[in-house]
Amino acid sequence: MRSVIVDCAIYRDGCRTEGPADFSDALDEARARGDAFLWIGLHEPTEKEFELVTSEFGLHPLAVEDALGAHQRPKMEVYDDSLFLVLKPVQYDDKAGTVTTGELMVFVGDSFVVTVRHGEANPLGSVRDRLEKMPEVLQHGPTAVMYAVSDAVVDHYLDVADDLHGDLEVLETEVFAPNAGGGQNTAGRIYAFKREVMEFRRSAGPLAEPMERLTGAGVPFVHEGSRPFFRDVSDHLTRVNEHVEGLDRLLSDILSAHLAQMGVRQNDDMRKISAWAAMAAVPTMIAGIYGMNFTHMPELEQPWGYPGVIVLMGGVIALLYRYFKRRGWL
């Protein structure tokens, strides 16, 4: 069990205090004091490792199943003995151009908060350090941890959205460059970028409803004084979702414009091919006629017949070339 516990501490009056090493005893002590709470952080616990936490904290079996199985959408559920919040932190690798999501579950109940993390995206270390320097926030109890974790996740959403927007501007410049060609699988790159934006959207979009609920009254285990803080998180999340929606629309427009651009280029190529084919067809037709083995054909016995036919071919080709050039086909 020690291998999955990242940190375990009792907080009283906004300050971290020393407590029993065993989290069961620490929870009893926090509840006995009445003005303290226990914060325990876990990293990818197994079902067996989580059994003791479930029994000691009285967590609902459905919430425990979600916390262990992961692969959940952002959501908030209210149970008799606890409040359960699912967050999806994201990381963006600008070199590989990929968005990686993790999962973060927060249980809030009577004098305790339990965080369960899956994946590499980890905002909790910095959150705990920052909160311990803000006793006025920690005085709100377990709700302060829920707020700080949500705020860290959403603030990082803003950073990821800015990084995505910067890379999208680079991609847009490459797509519409005058010498941009279609041999670099541009459409595939745009579609792959769109999938990464969609992955980000699946993490940030569903979180709007839980944050909106936390700004209102009537949610159990939530300190009344924390509503303005959750309202701030909700405002930031709205900006993120609007930004991501704009990225998705812009990618769709870029893809449509690129496909239209490719169609125009194909039409230009077909016109050039058709023009050259027309210029090649005339001398081919004349040469084919004079290549027939008939005894009586005009100009066969005339000394000017051969050069005359050559001049005719060249003249027709020159006229066709001039015509196609004026029409913009060549």
Protein backbone atom coordinates (compact mmCIF):
# COMPACT_ATOMS: atom_id res chain seq x y z
CA MET A 1 0.00 0.00 0.00
CA ARG A 2 2.93 2.32 0.70
CA SER A 3 4.00 2.06 -2.94
CA VAL A 4 0.84 3.76 -4.22
CA ILE A 5 0.53 6.46 -1.51
CA VAL A 6 2.13 9.60 -2.92
CA ASP A 7 1.49 11.72 0.19
CA CYS A 8 -0.67 11.66 3.30
CA ALA A 9 -1.07 14.60 5.66
CA ILE A 10 -3.46 16.26 8.12
CA TYR A 11 -4.28 19.94 7.63
CA ARG A 12 -5.57 22.07 10.51
CA ASP A 13 -6.40 25.78 10.29
CA GLY A 14 -4.85 25.85 6.83
CA CYS A 15 -1.51 24.40 7.97
CA ARG A 16 0.04 20.99 7.56
CA THR A 17 0.52 19.14 10.83
CA GLU A 18 2.24 15.94 11.85
CA GLY A 19 -0.08 13.01 12.29
CA PRO A 20 -0.07 9.23 12.64
CA ALA A 21 1.75 7.32 9.90
CA ASP A 22 -1.27 5.06 9.37
CA PHE A 23 -3.94 6.87 7.38
CA SER A 24 -6.73 5.12 9.28
CA ASP A 25 -5.50 6.60 12.53
CA ALA A 26 -4.88 9.93 10.80
CA LEU A 27 -8.51 10.05 9.61
CA ASP A 28 -9.77 9.31 13.13
CA GLU A 29 -7.59 12.08 14.49
CA ALA A 30 -8.79 14.59 11.86
CA ARG A 31 -12.42 13.80 12.62
CA ALA A 32 -11.83 13.97 16.35
CA ARG A 33 -10.39 17.48 16.07
CA GLY A 34 -13.34 18.70 14.02
CA ASP A 35 -11.40 21.54 12.38
CA ALA A 36 -8.95 19.39 10.42
CA PHE A 37 -9.01 17.14 7.38
CA LEU A 38 -6.87 14.39 5.88
CA TRP A 39 -5.52 14.54 2.33
CA ILE A 40 -4.22 11.30 0.89
CA GLY A 41 -2.90 11.00 -2.67
CA LEU A 42 -2.75 7.68 -4.54
CA HIS A 43 -1.16 6.74 -7.87
CA GLU A 44 -2.75 3.96 -9.93
CA PRO A 45 -3.82 1.69 -7.05
CA THR A 46 -5.02 -1.83 -7.72
CA GLU A 47 -8.38 -3.10 -6.49
CA LYS A 48 -6.73 -4.94 -3.61
CA GLU A 49 -4.67 -1.89 -2.62
CA PHE A 50 -7.76 0.33 -2.71
CA GLU A 51 -9.92 -1.96 -0.55
CA LEU A 52 -8.63 -0.54 2.73
CA VAL A 53 -9.19 3.05 1.54
CA THR A 54 -12.71 2.15 0.45
CA SER A 55 -13.63 0.62 3.79
CA GLU A 56 -11.99 3.30 5.96
CA PHE A 57 -13.39 6.30 4.08
CA GLY A 58 -16.77 4.75 3.24
CA LEU A 59 -16.49 5.37 -0.51
CA HIS A 60 -19.36 4.34 -2.75
CA PRO A 61 -18.71 1.13 -4.75
CA LEU A 62 -19.71 2.73 -8.06
CA ALA A 63 -17.29 5.61 -7.53
CA VAL A 64 -14.56 3.16 -6.53
CA GLU A 65 -15.18 1.17 -9.69
CA ASP A 66 -14.79 4.33 -11.78
CA ALA A 67 -11.63 5.33 -9.92
CA LEU A 68 -9.99 1.96 -10.46
CA GLY A 69 -11.13 1.36 -14.03
CA ALA A 70 -10.26 4.87 -15.27
CA HIS A 71 -11.29 5.76 -18.85
CA GLN A 72 -14.03 8.03 -17.52
CA ARG A 73 -15.42 11.27 -18.89
CA PRO A 74 -15.06 14.36 -16.70
CA LYS A 75 -18.04 14.34 -14.34
CA MET A 76 -19.24 14.95 -10.78
CA GLU A 77 -21.40 12.57 -8.79
CA VAL A 78 -22.90 13.06 -5.35
CA TYR A 79 -23.21 10.10 -2.98
CA ASP A 80 -24.42 9.84 0.61
CA ASP A 81 -20.96 9.89 2.18
CA SER A 82 -18.81 11.61 -0.43
CA LEU A 83 -18.55 13.80 -3.49
CA PHE A 84 -16.79 12.30 -6.53
CA LEU A 85 -15.14 14.44 -9.24
CA VAL A 86 -13.36 13.16 -12.37
CA LEU A 87 -10.83 15.38 -14.17
CA LYS A 88 -8.69 14.68 -17.22
CA PRO A 89 -5.32 16.48 -17.17
CA VAL A 90 -3.67 16.86 -20.57
CA GLN A 91 -0.12 17.18 -21.84
CA TYR A 92 0.95 18.33 -25.29
CA ASP A 93 4.15 17.15 -26.93
CA ASP A 94 4.83 19.84 -29.52
CA LYS A 95 7.65 17.81 -31.11
CA ALA A 96 5.46 14.78 -31.74
CA GLY A 97 2.30 16.87 -32.10
CA THR A 98 0.31 14.62 -29.76
CA VAL A 99 -2.08 15.30 -26.88
CA THR A 100 -1.80 12.85 -23.97
CA THR A 101 -4.53 12.62 -21.35
CA GLY A 102 -4.42 11.29 -17.82
CA GLU A 103 -7.17 10.83 -15.25
CA LEU A 104 -7.57 12.37 -11.83
CA MET A 105 -10.30 11.38 -9.40
CA VAL A 106 -11.12 13.43 -6.29
CA PHE A 107 -13.19 12.06 -3.38
CA VAL A 108 -14.38 14.65 -0.86
CA GLY A 109 -16.17 13.67 2.32
CA ASP A 110 -16.34 14.21 6.06
CA SER A 111 -12.88 15.53 7.04
CA PHE A 112 -11.07 13.87 4.15
CA VAL A 113 -10.08 14.23 0.52
CA VAL A 114 -8.67 11.36 -1.54
CA THR A 115 -7.03 11.93 -4.92
CA VAL A 116 -6.38 9.06 -7.31
CA ARG A 117 -4.17 9.66 -10.32
CA HIS A 118 -3.81 7.62 -13.52
CA GLY A 119 -1.30 8.44 -16.24
CA GLU A 120 1.71 10.74 -16.40
CA ALA A 121 -0.07 14.10 -16.42
CA ASN A 122 0.41 15.13 -12.81
CA PRO A 123 -0.53 18.57 -11.46
CA LEU A 124 -0.84 17.38 -7.85
CA GLY A 125 2.72 17.89 -6.67
CA SER A 126 2.69 21.59 -7.51
CA VAL A 127 -0.88 21.92 -6.21
CA ARG A 128 0.00 20.59 -2.77
CA ASP A 129 3.08 22.82 -2.53
CA ARG A 130 1.11 25.89 -3.61
CA LEU A 131 -1.79 25.18 -1.28
CA GLU A 132 0.48 24.74 1.72
CA LYS A 133 1.64 28.32 1.12
CA MET A 134 -1.98 29.56 1.10
CA PRO A 135 -3.45 28.74 4.53
CA GLU A 136 -6.36 31.12 3.95
CA VAL A 137 -7.52 28.85 1.11
CA LEU A 138 -6.83 25.60 2.97
CA GLN A 139 -9.10 26.80 5.77
CA HIS A 140 -12.03 25.95 3.49
CA GLY A 141 -11.26 22.29 4.15
CA PRO A 142 -11.36 19.48 1.59
CA THR A 143 -13.17 21.79 -0.82
CA ALA A 144 -9.96 23.83 -1.10
CA VAL A 145 -8.14 20.79 -2.47
CA MET A 146 -10.88 20.13 -5.01
CA TYR A 147 -10.76 23.76 -6.12
CA ALA A 148 -6.95 23.86 -6.34
CA VAL A 149 -6.77 20.62 -8.33
CA SER A 150 -9.49 21.80 -10.73
CA ASP A 151 -7.80 25.18 -11.10
CA ALA A 152 -4.42 23.59 -11.89
CA VAL A 153 -5.94 21.28 -14.50
CA VAL A 154 -7.90 24.08 -16.21
CA ASP A 155 -4.96 26.51 -16.14
CA HIS A 156 -2.85 23.89 -17.90
CA TYR A 157 -5.66 23.56 -20.45
CA LEU A 158 -5.05 27.21 -21.31
CA ASP A 159 -1.34 26.55 -21.84
CA VAL A 160 -2.06 23.54 -24.04
CA ALA A 161 -4.61 25.52 -26.06
CA ASP A 162 -2.03 28.25 -26.68
CA ASP A 163 0.57 25.67 -27.77
CA LEU A 164 -1.93 24.06 -30.14
CA HIS A 165 -2.82 27.45 -31.60
CA GLY A 166 0.85 28.24 -32.21
CA ASP A 167 1.44 24.94 -34.03
CA LEU A 168 -1.76 25.44 -36.00
CA GLU A 169 -0.52 28.81 -37.26
CA VAL A 170 2.67 27.11 -38.48
CA LEU A 171 0.63 24.41 -40.23
CA GLU A 172 -1.65 27.03 -41.78
CA THR A 173 1.37 28.93 -43.14
CA GLU A 174 2.77 25.75 -44.69
CA VAL A 175 -0.56 24.79 -46.26
CA PHE A 176 -1.09 28.17 -47.95
CA ALA A 177 2.52 28.83 -48.91
CA PRO A 178 2.83 29.73 -52.65
CA ASN A 179 5.13 26.78 -53.32
CA ALA A 180 3.29 24.31 -51.11
CA GLY A 181 2.89 20.97 -52.81
CA GLY A 182 0.54 18.10 -52.25
CA GLY A 183 3.27 15.49 -51.92
CA GLN A 184 3.77 15.95 -48.18
CA ASN A 185 0.46 14.37 -47.15
CA THR A 186 -0.82 17.74 -46.05
CA ALA A 187 -4.42 16.54 -45.71
CA GLY A 188 -3.24 13.70 -43.47
CA ARG A 189 -1.34 16.12 -41.25
CA ILE A 190 -4.37 18.40 -40.92
CA TYR A 191 -6.61 15.45 -40.06
CA ALA A 192 -4.10 14.14 -37.49
CA PHE A 193 -3.97 17.60 -35.88
CA LYS A 194 -7.76 17.68 -35.84
CA ARG A 195 -7.81 14.36 -33.97
CA GLU A 196 -5.47 15.78 -31.30
CA VAL A 197 -7.74 18.81 -30.89
CA MET A 198 -10.71 16.44 -30.59
CA GLU A 199 -8.88 14.49 -27.86
CA PHE A 200 -8.32 17.76 -26.00
CA ARG A 201 -11.97 18.71 -26.51
CA ARG A 202 -13.14 15.44 -24.96
CA SER A 203 -11.16 16.31 -21.83
CA ALA A 204 -12.20 19.95 -21.42
CA GLY A 205 -15.75 20.07 -22.78
CA PRO A 206 -17.60 17.74 -20.36
CA LEU A 207 -15.97 19.43 -17.35
CA ALA A 208 -18.07 22.59 -17.86
CA GLU A 209 -21.21 21.06 -16.31
CA PRO A 210 -19.55 19.94 -13.01
CA MET A 211 -17.80 23.31 -12.61
CA GLU A 212 -21.11 25.09 -13.19
CA ARG A 213 -22.76 22.97 -10.51
CA LEU A 214 -19.99 23.73 -8.03
CA THR A 215 -20.60 27.47 -8.43
CA GLY A 216 -24.13 27.09 -7.11
CA ALA A 217 -25.55 26.22 -3.72
CA GLY A 218 -26.83 22.88 -2.51
CA VAL A 219 -23.83 20.69 -3.36
CA PRO A 220 -22.91 18.65 -0.25
CA PHE A 221 -19.40 18.63 1.20
CA VAL A 222 -18.65 21.95 -0.55
CA HIS A 223 -17.73 24.97 1.59
CA GLU A 224 -20.03 27.93 0.92
CA GLY A 225 -17.10 30.33 0.71
CA SER A 226 -15.53 28.38 -2.15
CA ARG A 227 -18.19 29.23 -4.73
CA PRO A 228 -16.37 32.37 -6.03
CA PHE A 229 -13.25 30.25 -6.55
CA PHE A 230 -15.12 27.65 -8.59
CA ARG A 231 -16.75 30.49 -10.55
CA ASP A 232 -13.25 31.63 -11.52
CA VAL A 233 -12.35 28.11 -12.64
CA SER A 234 -15.59 27.92 -14.62
CA ASP A 235 -14.78 31.20 -16.39
CA HIS A 236 -11.32 29.93 -17.36
CA LEU A 237 -12.83 26.67 -18.58
CA THR A 238 -15.30 28.59 -20.74
CA ARG A 239 -12.37 30.41 -22.37
CA VAL A 240 -10.65 27.07 -22.98
CA ASN A 241 -13.72 25.52 -24.58
CA GLU A 242 -14.27 28.57 -26.80
CA HIS A 243 -10.61 28.46 -27.82
CA VAL A 244 -10.75 24.74 -28.61
CA GLU A 245 -13.98 25.16 -30.57
CA GLY A 246 -12.31 27.91 -32.58
CA LEU A 247 -9.31 25.64 -33.28
CA ASP A 248 -11.61 22.87 -34.47
CA ARG A 249 -13.51 25.21 -36.81
CA LEU A 250 -10.30 26.68 -38.15
CA LEU A 251 -8.91 23.21 -38.85
CA SER A 252 -12.08 22.29 -40.73
CA ASP A 253 -11.79 25.49 -42.78
CA ILE A 254 -8.09 24.83 -43.50
CA LEU A 255 -8.85 21.27 -44.59
CA SER A 256 -11.68 22.43 -46.86
CA ALA A 257 -9.52 25.18 -48.32
CA HIS A 258 -6.65 22.76 -48.88
CA LEU A 259 -8.90 20.28 -50.70
CA ALA A 260 -10.31 23.11 -52.85
CA GLN A 261 -6.75 24.25 -53.53
CA MET A 262 -5.81 20.74 -54.61
CA GLY A 263 -8.84 20.64 -56.92
CA VAL A 264 -7.78 23.92 -58.55
CA ARG A 265 -4.26 22.58 -59.06
CA GLN A 266 -5.59 19.40 -60.61
CA ASN A 267 -7.76 21.46 -62.97
CA ASP A 268 -4.72 23.52 -63.96
CA ASP A 269 -2.73 20.37 -64.60
CA MET A 270 -5.54 18.86 -66.66
CA ARG A 271 -5.79 22.02 -68.79
CA LYS A 272 -2.06 21.97 -69.45
CA ILE A 273 -2.16 18.30 -70.37
CA SER A 274 -5.15 18.89 -72.63
CA ALA A 275 -3.42 21.83 -74.34
CA TRP A 276 -0.24 19.86 -75.04
CA ALA A 277 -2.30 16.89 -76.20
CA ALA A 278 -4.22 19.14 -78.63
CA MET A 279 -0.96 20.54 -80.04
CA ALA A 280 0.43 17.03 -80.46
CA ALA A 281 -2.77 15.74 -82.08
CA VAL A 282 -2.59 18.02 -85.18
CA PRO A 283 0.87 16.94 -86.47
CA THR A 284 0.04 13.37 -85.52
CA MET A 285 -3.12 13.52 -87.65
CA ILE A 286 -1.30 15.10 -90.65
CA ALA A 287 1.59 12.66 -90.42
CA GLY A 288 -0.87 9.79 -90.14
CA ILE A 289 -2.66 10.88 -93.33
CA TYR A 290 0.55 11.19 -95.33
CA GLY A 291 1.80 7.92 -93.93
CA MET A 292 -0.96 5.99 -95.73
CA ASN A 293 0.21 3.96 -98.72
CA PHE A 294 -2.05 5.36 -101.44
CA THR A 295 -0.76 5.86 -105.00
CA HIS A 296 -2.65 9.05 -105.74
CA MET A 297 -2.24 11.64 -102.93
CA PRO A 298 -1.88 15.40 -103.36
CA GLU A 299 1.62 16.90 -103.24
CA LEU A 300 3.40 13.52 -103.15
CA GLU A 301 5.24 14.26 -106.38
CA GLN A 302 5.69 17.98 -105.74
CA PRO A 303 9.19 19.13 -104.63
CA TRP A 304 7.65 21.51 -102.07
CA GLY A 305 5.31 18.84 -100.58
CA TYR A 306 7.50 17.73 -97.67
CA PRO A 307 8.62 21.19 -96.50
CA GLY A 308 5.10 22.49 -97.03
CA VAL A 309 3.63 19.87 -94.69
CA ILE A 310 6.32 20.60 -92.08
CA VAL A 311 5.55 24.32 -92.24
CA LEU A 312 1.84 23.58 -91.95
CA MET A 313 2.41 21.47 -88.84
CA GLY A 314 4.60 24.14 -87.23
CA GLY A 315 2.14 26.88 -88.06
CA VAL A 316 -0.82 25.06 -86.58
CA ILE A 317 1.16 24.22 -83.42
CA ALA A 318 2.25 27.88 -83.08
CA LEU A 319 -1.32 29.09 -83.47
CA LEU A 320 -2.58 26.60 -80.88
CA TYR A 321 0.22 27.49 -78.46
CA ARG A 322 -0.58 31.18 -78.75
CA TYR A 323 -4.28 30.50 -78.23
CA PHE A 324 -3.78 28.35 -75.12
CA LYS A 325 -1.26 30.79 -73.72
CA ARG A 326 -3.72 33.69 -74.03
CA ARG A 327 -6.39 31.59 -72.32
CA GLY A 328 -4.04 30.81 -69.44
CA TRP A 329 -3.89 27.09 -70.12
CA LEU A 330 -0.12 27.10 -70.47
